[in-house]
Amino acid sequence: DLCVATIGIDAAEPVEWSLTPNPAHGSATVQCEVGMTSVELLTVKGERIMLRDMAGEQNCTLDLSGLAKGIYIVQVTTAQGTAARKLAVE
C-alpha cells in the first residue's frame, strides 16, 4: 500500500495536473501539462479499481457511474513521476 502511505505528505508534485470536478458525480476529468503514462483509480485502501493506459495523452475522463459514494485516490503517472490526489464521489 505504498500509494496510501504517501497520501497527505506535503511534497512538491512532479507534474502539474488537475482533477475536476471534485467532488464528482458520474465522471471526472484528469488534465495534465505533460503526456501521461497511466491513470489509476484506487480505493483509500490502495485497491485498484481502474487502470487506463494513456500512451502520452494529456486528458482522461474517468467513468465513476458504477462507484459507491466515498473517497477514492486518483494516481497519475508521467515520465516525471507519479502523483496522487483524493477524489470525492457523491
PDB file of N, CA and C in Angstrom:
ATOM      1  N   ASP A   1       0.816  -1.197   0.000  1.00  0.00           N
ATOM      2  CA  ASP A   1       0.000   0.000   0.000  1.00  0.00           C
ATOM      3  C   ASP A   1       0.865   1.269   0.000  1.00  0.00           C
ATOM      4  N   LEU A   2       1.832   1.269  -0.877  1.00  0.00           N
ATOM      5  CA  LEU A   2       2.763   2.392  -0.946  1.00  0.00           C
ATOM      6  C   LEU A   2       2.053   3.697  -1.246  1.00  0.00           C
ATOM      7  N   CYS A   3       1.055   3.659  -2.147  1.00  0.00           N
ATOM      8  CA  CYS A   3       0.363   4.891  -2.520  1.00  0.00           C
ATOM      9  C   CYS A   3      -0.384   5.493  -1.329  1.00  0.00           C
ATOM     10  N   VAL A   4      -0.935   4.652  -0.475  1.00  0.00           N
ATOM     11  CA  VAL A   4      -1.675   5.145   0.680  1.00  0.00           C
ATOM     12  C   VAL A   4      -0.717   5.828   1.658  1.00  0.00           C
ATOM     13  N   ALA A   5       0.481   5.276   1.818  1.00  0.00           N
ATOM     14  CA  ALA A   5       1.458   5.833   2.750  1.00  0.00           C
ATOM     15  C   ALA A   5       1.913   7.221   2.325  1.00  0.00           C
ATOM     16  N   THR A   6       1.893   7.506   1.017  1.00  0.00           N
ATOM     17  CA  THR A   6       2.388   8.792   0.549  1.00  0.00           C
ATOM     18  C   THR A   6       1.313   9.873   0.500  1.00  0.00           C
ATOM     19  N   ILE A   7       0.055   9.499   0.631  1.00  0.00           N
ATOM     20  CA  ILE A   7      -1.023  10.488   0.598  1.00  0.00           C
ATOM     21  C   ILE A   7      -0.918  11.393   1.828  1.00  0.00           C
ATOM     22  N   GLY A   8      -1.061  12.682   1.602  1.00  0.00           N
ATOM     23  CA  GLY A   8      -1.064  13.606   2.724  1.00  0.00           C
ATOM     24  C   GLY A   8       0.313  14.165   3.044  1.00  0.00           C
ATOM     25  N   ILE A   9       1.358  13.595   2.468  1.00  0.00           N
ATOM     26  CA  ILE A   9       2.681  14.164   2.668  1.00  0.00           C
ATOM     27  C   ILE A   9       2.772  15.415   1.805  1.00  0.00           C
ATOM     28  N   ASP A  10       3.224  16.500   2.393  1.00  0.00           N
ATOM     29  CA  ASP A  10       3.231  17.779   1.701  1.00  0.00           C
ATOM     30  C   ASP A  10       4.505  17.937   0.878  1.00  0.00           C
ATOM     31  N   ALA A  11       4.617  17.182  -0.179  1.00  0.00           N
ATOM     32  CA  ALA A  11       5.795  17.249  -1.042  1.00  0.00           C
ATOM     33  C   ALA A  11       5.394  17.856  -2.381  1.00  0.00           C
ATOM     34  N   ALA A  12       6.350  18.452  -3.050  1.00  0.00           N
ATOM     35  CA  ALA A  12       6.076  19.037  -4.366  1.00  0.00           C
ATOM     36  C   ALA A  12       5.719  17.918  -5.337  1.00  0.00           C
ATOM     37  N   GLU A  13       4.671  18.115  -6.120  1.00  0.00           N
ATOM     38  CA  GLU A  13       4.283  17.107  -7.094  1.00  0.00           C
ATOM     39  C   GLU A  13       5.203  17.199  -8.300  1.00  0.00           C
ATOM     40  N   PRO A  14       5.532  16.061  -8.897  1.00  0.00           N
ATOM     41  CA  PRO A  14       6.434  16.071 -10.043  1.00  0.00           C
ATOM     42  C   PRO A  14       5.831  16.683 -11.309  1.00  0.00           C
ATOM     43  N   VAL A  15       4.501  16.751 -11.370  1.00  0.00           N
ATOM     44  CA  VAL A  15       3.829  17.306 -12.543  1.00  0.00           C
ATOM     45  C   VAL A  15       2.648  18.153 -12.123  1.00  0.00           C
ATOM     46  N   GLU A  16       2.291  19.113 -12.968  1.00  0.00           N
ATOM     47  CA  GLU A  16       1.092  19.917 -12.741  1.00  0.00           C
ATOM     48  C   GLU A  16      -0.080  19.204 -13.405  1.00  0.00           C
ATOM     49  N   TRP A  17      -1.129  18.953 -12.619  1.00  0.00           N
ATOM     50  CA  TRP A  17      -2.320  18.313 -13.186  1.00  0.00           C
ATOM     51  C   TRP A  17      -3.544  18.711 -12.379  1.00  0.00           C
ATOM     52  N   SER A  18      -4.697  18.552 -13.030  1.00  0.00           N
ATOM     53  CA  SER A  18      -5.943  18.916 -12.374  1.00  0.00           C
ATOM     54  C   SER A  18      -6.914  17.748 -12.414  1.00  0.00           C
ATOM     55  N   LEU A  19      -7.807  17.739 -11.435  1.00  0.00           N
ATOM     56  CA  LEU A  19      -8.832  16.710 -11.309  1.00  0.00           C
ATOM     57  C   LEU A  19     -10.143  17.449 -11.050  1.00  0.00           C
ATOM     58  N   THR A  20     -11.034  17.445 -12.047  1.00  0.00           N
ATOM     59  CA  THR A  20     -12.285  18.199 -11.926  1.00  0.00           C
ATOM     60  C   THR A  20     -13.469  17.382 -12.438  1.00  0.00           C
ATOM     61  N   PRO A  21     -14.668  17.577 -11.938  1.00  0.00           N
ATOM     62  CA  PRO A  21     -14.942  18.302 -10.700  1.00  0.00           C
ATOM     63  C   PRO A  21     -14.572  17.441  -9.502  1.00  0.00           C
ATOM     64  N   ASN A  22     -14.438  18.034  -8.359  1.00  0.00           N
ATOM     65  CA  ASN A  22     -14.134  17.308  -7.141  1.00  0.00           C
ATOM     66  C   ASN A  22     -14.802  18.042  -5.986  1.00  0.00           C
ATOM     67  N   PRO A  23     -15.883  17.536  -5.421  1.00  0.00           N
ATOM     68  CA  PRO A  23     -16.450  16.199  -5.609  1.00  0.00           C
ATOM     69  C   PRO A  23     -17.098  15.994  -6.982  1.00  0.00           C
ATOM     70  N   ALA A  24     -17.152  14.728  -7.389  1.00  0.00           N
ATOM     71  CA  ALA A  24     -17.630  14.375  -8.720  1.00  0.00           C
ATOM     72  C   ALA A  24     -18.938  13.595  -8.655  1.00  0.00           C
ATOM     73  N   HIS A  25     -19.716  13.703  -9.728  1.00  0.00           N
ATOM     74  CA  HIS A  25     -20.950  12.928  -9.908  1.00  0.00           C
ATOM     75  C   HIS A  25     -20.853  12.284 -11.289  1.00  0.00           C
ATOM     76  N   GLY A  26     -20.746  10.981 -11.373  1.00  0.00           N
ATOM     77  CA  GLY A  26     -20.791  10.307 -12.669  1.00  0.00           C
ATOM     78  C   GLY A  26     -19.469  10.227 -13.417  1.00  0.00           C
ATOM     79  N   SER A  27     -18.727  11.337 -13.496  1.00  0.00           N
ATOM     80  CA  SER A  27     -17.431  11.300 -14.171  1.00  0.00           C
ATOM     81  C   SER A  27     -16.543  12.415 -13.645  1.00  0.00           C
ATOM     82  N   ALA A  28     -15.240  12.250 -13.872  1.00  0.00           N
ATOM     83  CA  ALA A  28     -14.263  13.269 -13.511  1.00  0.00           C
ATOM     84  C   ALA A  28     -13.226  13.319 -14.621  1.00  0.00           C
ATOM     85  N   THR A  29     -12.628  14.488 -14.803  1.00  0.00           N
ATOM     86  CA  THR A  29     -11.632  14.665 -15.867  1.00  0.00           C
ATOM     87  C   THR A  29     -10.269  14.963 -15.269  1.00  0.00           C
ATOM     88  N   VAL A  30      -9.273  14.244 -15.769  1.00  0.00           N
ATOM     89  CA  VAL A  30      -7.885  14.478 -15.396  1.00  0.00           C
ATOM     90  C   VAL A  30      -7.231  15.208 -16.556  1.00  0.00           C
ATOM     91  N   GLN A  31      -6.592  16.340 -16.272  1.00  0.00           N
ATOM     92  CA  GLN A  31      -5.851  17.078 -17.291  1.00  0.00           C
ATOM     93  C   GLN A  31      -4.437  17.287 -16.777  1.00  0.00           C
ATOM     94  N   CYS A  32      -3.455  17.009 -17.627  1.00  0.00           N
ATOM     95  CA  CYS A  32      -2.061  17.066 -17.219  1.00  0.00           C
ATOM     96  C   CYS A  32      -1.278  17.929 -18.204  1.00  0.00           C
ATOM     97  N   GLU A  33      -0.282  18.677 -17.679  1.00  0.00           N
ATOM     98  CA  GLU A  33       0.508  19.553 -18.543  1.00  0.00           C
ATOM     99  C   GLU A  33       1.445  18.770 -19.466  1.00  0.00           C
ATOM    100  N   VAL A  34       1.736  17.534 -19.107  1.00  0.00           N
ATOM    101  CA  VAL A  34       2.579  16.673 -19.948  1.00  0.00           C
ATOM    102  C   VAL A  34       1.832  15.386 -20.246  1.00  0.00           C
ATOM    103  N   GLY A  35       2.314  14.632 -21.197  1.00  0.00           N
ATOM    104  CA  GLY A  35       1.667  13.368 -21.542  1.00  0.00           C
ATOM    105  C   GLY A  35       1.734  12.376 -20.391  1.00  0.00           C
ATOM    106  N   MET A  36       0.614  11.721 -20.129  1.00  0.00           N
ATOM    107  CA  MET A  36       0.543  10.753 -19.032  1.00  0.00           C
ATOM    108  C   MET A  36       0.850   9.351 -19.538  1.00  0.00           C
ATOM    109  N   THR A  37       1.483   8.560 -18.680  1.00  0.00           N
ATOM    110  CA  THR A  37       1.732   7.159 -18.966  1.00  0.00           C
ATOM    111  C   THR A  37       0.502   6.336 -18.590  1.00  0.00           C
ATOM    112  N   SER A  38      -0.045   6.630 -17.395  1.00  0.00           N
ATOM    113  CA  SER A  38      -1.240   5.918 -16.946  1.00  0.00           C
ATOM    114  C   SER A  38      -2.008   6.761 -15.930  1.00  0.00           C
ATOM    115  N   VAL A  39      -3.290   6.408 -15.782  1.00  0.00           N
ATOM    116  CA  VAL A  39      -4.147   6.988 -14.744  1.00  0.00           C
ATOM    117  C   VAL A  39      -4.787   5.810 -14.018  1.00  0.00           C
ATOM    118  N   GLU A  40      -4.693   5.822 -12.693  1.00  0.00           N
ATOM    119  CA  GLU A  40      -5.282   4.756 -11.898  1.00  0.00           C
ATOM    120  C   GLU A  40      -6.307   5.340 -10.938  1.00  0.00           C
ATOM    121  N   LEU A  41      -7.341   4.558 -10.689  1.00  0.00           N
ATOM    122  CA  LEU A  41      -8.328   4.904  -9.667  1.00  0.00           C
ATOM    123  C   LEU A  41      -8.223   3.819  -8.603  1.00  0.00           C
ATOM    124  N   LEU A  42      -7.974   4.249  -7.355  1.00  0.00           N
ATOM    125  CA  LEU A  42      -7.762   3.318  -6.253  1.00  0.00           C
ATOM    126  C   LEU A  42      -8.736   3.599  -5.120  1.00  0.00           C
ATOM    127  N   THR A  43      -8.996   2.569  -4.324  1.00  0.00           N
ATOM    128  CA  THR A  43      -9.723   2.805  -3.076  1.00  0.00           C
ATOM    129  C   THR A  43      -8.743   3.420  -2.090  1.00  0.00           C
ATOM    130  N   VAL A  44      -9.244   3.936  -0.984  1.00  0.00           N
ATOM    131  CA  VAL A  44      -8.347   4.501   0.025  1.00  0.00           C
ATOM    132  C   VAL A  44      -7.469   3.419   0.652  1.00  0.00           C
ATOM    133  N   LYS A  45      -7.842   2.152   0.463  1.00  0.00           N
ATOM    134  CA  LYS A  45      -7.019   1.045   0.964  1.00  0.00           C
ATOM    135  C   LYS A  45      -5.938   0.644  -0.046  1.00  0.00           C
ATOM    136  N   GLY A  46      -5.941   1.308  -1.213  1.00  0.00           N
ATOM    137  CA  GLY A  46      -4.920   1.015  -2.218  1.00  0.00           C
ATOM    138  C   GLY A  46      -5.309  -0.049  -3.230  1.00  0.00           C
ATOM    139  N   GLU A  47      -6.567  -0.480  -3.229  1.00  0.00           N
ATOM    140  CA  GLU A  47      -7.022  -1.486  -4.197  1.00  0.00           C
ATOM    141  C   GLU A  47      -7.337  -0.809  -5.522  1.00  0.00           C
ATOM    142  N   ARG A  48      -6.791  -1.328  -6.611  1.00  0.00           N
ATOM    143  CA  ARG A  48      -7.013  -0.728  -7.927  1.00  0.00           C
ATOM    144  C   ARG A  48      -8.398  -1.052  -8.445  1.00  0.00           C
ATOM    145  N   ILE A  49      -9.128   0.001  -8.827  1.00  0.00           N
ATOM    146  CA  ILE A  49     -10.469  -0.143  -9.407  1.00  0.00           C
ATOM    147  C   ILE A  49     -10.378  -0.010 -10.922  1.00  0.00           C
ATOM    148  N   MET A  50      -9.507   0.878 -11.384  1.00  0.00           N
ATOM    149  CA  MET A  50      -9.416   1.190 -12.809  1.00  0.00           C
ATOM    150  C   MET A  50      -7.973   1.531 -13.153  1.00  0.00           C
ATOM    151  N   LEU A  51      -7.525   1.067 -14.306  1.00  0.00           N
ATOM    152  CA  LEU A  51      -6.207   1.428 -14.828  1.00  0.00           C
ATOM    153  C   LEU A  51      -6.373   1.792 -16.293  1.00  0.00           C
ATOM    154  N   ARG A  52      -5.983   3.015 -16.643  1.00  0.00           N
ATOM    155  CA  ARG A  52      -6.063   3.471 -18.030  1.00  0.00           C
ATOM    156  C   ARG A  52      -4.650   3.694 -18.554  1.00  0.00           C
ATOM    157  N   ASP A  53      -4.308   3.026 -19.645  1.00  0.00           N
ATOM    158  CA  ASP A  53      -3.028   3.254 -20.322  1.00  0.00           C
ATOM    159  C   ASP A  53      -3.202   4.495 -21.182  1.00  0.00           C
ATOM    160  N   MET A  54      -2.425   5.541 -20.901  1.00  0.00           N
ATOM    161  CA  MET A  54      -2.663   6.835 -21.544  1.00  0.00           C
ATOM    162  C   MET A  54      -1.812   7.087 -22.786  1.00  0.00           C
ATOM    163  N   ALA A  55      -0.725   6.372 -22.965  1.00  0.00           N
ATOM    164  CA  ALA A  55       0.103   6.492 -24.174  1.00  0.00           C
ATOM    165  C   ALA A  55       0.426   7.944 -24.541  1.00  0.00           C
ATOM    166  N   GLY A  56       0.711   8.759 -23.521  1.00  0.00           N
ATOM    167  CA  GLY A  56       1.123  10.136 -23.784  1.00  0.00           C
ATOM    168  C   GLY A  56       0.001  11.157 -23.892  1.00  0.00           C
ATOM    169  N   GLU A  57      -1.253  10.723 -23.731  1.00  0.00           N
ATOM    170  CA  GLU A  57      -2.369  11.679 -23.797  1.00  0.00           C
ATOM    171  C   GLU A  57      -2.342  12.596 -22.578  1.00  0.00           C
ATOM    172  N   GLN A  58      -2.928  13.784 -22.720  1.00  0.00           N
ATOM    173  CA  GLN A  58      -2.927  14.768 -21.636  1.00  0.00           C
ATOM    174  C   GLN A  58      -4.287  14.933 -20.956  1.00  0.00           C
ATOM    175  N   ASN A  59      -5.330  14.288 -21.490  1.00  0.00           N
ATOM    176  CA  ASN A  59      -6.675  14.371 -20.927  1.00  0.00           C
ATOM    177  C   ASN A  59      -7.252  12.974 -20.765  1.00  0.00           C
ATOM    178  N   CYS A  60      -8.010  12.783 -19.684  1.00  0.00           N
ATOM    179  CA  CYS A  60      -8.631  11.484 -19.428  1.00  0.00           C
ATOM    180  C   CYS A  60      -9.928  11.712 -18.679  1.00  0.00           C
ATOM    181  N   THR A  61     -11.017  11.101 -19.152  1.00  0.00           N
ATOM    182  CA  THR A  61     -12.286  11.165 -18.433  1.00  0.00           C
ATOM    183  C   THR A  61     -12.509   9.829 -17.748  1.00  0.00           C
ATOM    184  N   LEU A  62     -12.739   9.879 -16.443  1.00  0.00           N
ATOM    185  CA  LEU A  62     -12.977   8.677 -15.648  1.00  0.00           C
ATOM    186  C   LEU A  62     -14.472   8.485 -15.468  1.00  0.00           C
ATOM    187  N   ASP A  63     -14.970   7.296 -15.830  1.00  0.00           N
ATOM    188  CA  ASP A  63     -16.379   6.957 -15.630  1.00  0.00           C
ATOM    189  C   ASP A  63     -16.553   6.468 -14.202  1.00  0.00           C
ATOM    190  N   LEU A  64     -17.268   7.234 -13.400  1.00  0.00           N
ATOM    191  CA  LEU A  64     -17.457   6.915 -11.984  1.00  0.00           C
ATOM    192  C   LEU A  64     -18.859   6.406 -11.696  1.00  0.00           C
ATOM    193  N   SER A  65     -19.650   6.172 -12.740  1.00  0.00           N
ATOM    194  CA  SER A  65     -21.077   5.889 -12.557  1.00  0.00           C
ATOM    195  C   SER A  65     -21.362   4.643 -11.733  1.00  0.00           C
ATOM    196  N   GLY A  66     -20.481   3.642 -11.751  1.00  0.00           N
ATOM    197  CA  GLY A  66     -20.759   2.416 -11.006  1.00  0.00           C
ATOM    198  C   GLY A  66     -20.188   2.405  -9.597  1.00  0.00           C
ATOM    199  N   LEU A  67     -19.580   3.502  -9.174  1.00  0.00           N
ATOM    200  CA  LEU A  67     -18.903   3.513  -7.878  1.00  0.00           C
ATOM    201  C   LEU A  67     -19.815   3.954  -6.745  1.00  0.00           C
ATOM    202  N   ALA A  68     -19.550   3.408  -5.571  1.00  0.00           N
ATOM    203  CA  ALA A  68     -20.257   3.846  -4.370  1.00  0.00           C
ATOM    204  C   ALA A  68     -19.753   5.229  -3.981  1.00  0.00           C
ATOM    205  N   LYS A  69     -20.606   5.985  -3.282  1.00  0.00           N
ATOM    206  CA  LYS A  69     -20.175   7.290  -2.788  1.00  0.00           C
ATOM    207  C   LYS A  69     -19.018   7.084  -1.817  1.00  0.00           C
ATOM    208  N   GLY A  70     -18.073   8.022  -1.841  1.00  0.00           N
ATOM    209  CA  GLY A  70     -16.956   7.908  -0.923  1.00  0.00           C
ATOM    210  C   GLY A  70     -15.714   8.588  -1.461  1.00  0.00           C
ATOM    211  N   ILE A  71     -14.597   8.317  -0.804  1.00  0.00           N
ATOM    212  CA  ILE A  71     -13.324   8.909  -1.182  1.00  0.00           C
ATOM    213  C   ILE A  71     -12.492   7.872  -1.926  1.00  0.00           C
ATOM    214  N   TYR A  72     -11.914   8.294  -3.037  1.00  0.00           N
ATOM    215  CA  TYR A  72     -11.049   7.446  -3.848  1.00  0.00           C
ATOM    216  C   TYR A  72      -9.733   8.191  -4.088  1.00  0.00           C
ATOM    217  N   ILE A  73      -8.763   7.480  -4.625  1.00  0.00           N
ATOM    218  CA  ILE A  73      -7.470   8.078  -4.946  1.00  0.00           C
ATOM    219  C   ILE A  73      -7.272   7.997  -6.454  1.00  0.00           C
ATOM    220  N   VAL A  74      -6.943   9.140  -7.070  1.00  0.00           N
ATOM    221  CA  VAL A  74      -6.586   9.156  -8.489  1.00  0.00           C
ATOM    222  C   VAL A  74      -5.070   9.319  -8.551  1.00  0.00           C
ATOM    223  N   GLN A  75      -4.414   8.393  -9.236  1.00  0.00           N
ATOM    224  CA  GLN A  75      -2.962   8.398  -9.327  1.00  0.00           C
ATOM    225  C   GLN A  75      -2.561   8.579 -10.791  1.00  0.00           C
ATOM    226  N   VAL A  76      -1.783   9.624 -11.048  1.00  0.00           N
ATOM    227  CA  VAL A  76      -1.332   9.945 -12.407  1.00  0.00           C
ATOM    228  C   VAL A  76       0.156   9.640 -12.500  1.00  0.00           C
ATOM    229  N   THR A  77       0.538   8.917 -13.557  1.00  0.00           N
ATOM    230  CA  THR A  77       1.951   8.620 -13.778  1.00  0.00           C
ATOM    231  C   THR A  77       2.393   9.235 -15.093  1.00  0.00           C
ATOM    232  N   THR A  78       3.524   9.945 -15.059  1.00  0.00           N
ATOM    233  CA  THR A  78       4.144  10.519 -16.258  1.00  0.00           C
ATOM    234  C   THR A  78       5.622  10.134 -16.241  1.00  0.00           C
ATOM    235  N   ALA A  79       6.345  10.562 -17.258  1.00  0.00           N
ATOM    236  CA  ALA A  79       7.785  10.318 -17.291  1.00  0.00           C
ATOM    237  C   ALA A  79       8.485  10.998 -16.110  1.00  0.00           C
ATOM    238  N   GLN A  80       7.873  12.059 -15.567  1.00  0.00           N
ATOM    239  CA  GLN A  80       8.475  12.794 -14.448  1.00  0.00           C
ATOM    240  C   GLN A  80       8.222  12.138 -13.090  1.00  0.00           C
ATOM    241  N   GLY A  81       7.259  11.259 -13.028  1.00  0.00           N
ATOM    242  CA  GLY A  81       6.956  10.620 -11.748  1.00  0.00           C
ATOM    243  C   GLY A  81       5.474  10.380 -11.580  1.00  0.00           C
ATOM    244  N   THR A  82       5.089  10.061 -10.342  1.00  0.00           N
ATOM    245  CA  THR A  82       3.715   9.717 -10.023  1.00  0.00           C
ATOM    246  C   THR A  82       3.183  10.676  -8.951  1.00  0.00           C
ATOM    247  N   ALA A  83       1.932  11.096  -9.116  1.00  0.00           N
ATOM    248  CA  ALA A  83       1.291  11.969  -8.136  1.00  0.00           C
ATOM    249  C   ALA A  83      -0.115  11.438  -7.888  1.00  0.00           C
ATOM    250  N   ALA A  84      -0.615  11.627  -6.668  1.00  0.00           N
ATOM    251  CA  ALA A  84      -1.937  11.121  -6.310  1.00  0.00           C
ATOM    252  C   ALA A  84      -2.736  12.200  -5.606  1.00  0.00           C
ATOM    253  N   ARG A  85      -4.044  12.173  -5.815  1.00  0.00           N
ATOM    254  CA  ARG A  85      -4.951  13.105  -5.141  1.00  0.00           C
ATOM    255  C   ARG A  85      -6.206  12.351  -4.728  1.00  0.00           C
ATOM    256  N   LYS A  86      -6.852  12.864  -3.704  1.00  0.00           N
ATOM    257  CA  LYS A  86      -8.138  12.309  -3.281  1.00  0.00           C
ATOM    258  C   LYS A  86      -9.242  12.833  -4.184  1.00  0.00           C
ATOM    259  N   LEU A  87     -10.211  11.967  -4.452  1.00  0.00           N
ATOM    260  CA  LEU A  87     -11.392  12.336  -5.225  1.00  0.00           C
ATOM    261  C   LEU A  87     -12.622  11.906  -4.441  1.00  0.00           C
ATOM    262  N   ALA A  88     -13.527  12.849  -4.204  1.00  0.00           N
ATOM    263  CA  ALA A  88     -14.786  12.533  -3.533  1.00  0.00           C
ATOM    264  C   ALA A  88     -15.831  12.215  -4.595  1.00  0.00           C
ATOM    265  N   VAL A  89     -16.474  11.062  -4.473  1.00  0.00           N
ATOM    266  CA  VAL A  89     -17.556  10.679  -5.391  1.00  0.00           C
ATOM    267  C   VAL A  89     -18.855  10.793  -4.613  1.00  0.00           C
ATOM    268  N   GLU A  90     -19.802  11.573  -5.155  1.00  0.00           N
ATOM    269  CA  GLU A  90     -21.082  11.774  -4.473  1.00  0.00           C
ATOM    270  C   GLU A  90     -22.231  11.176  -5.261  1.00  0.00           C
TER     271      GLU A  90
END
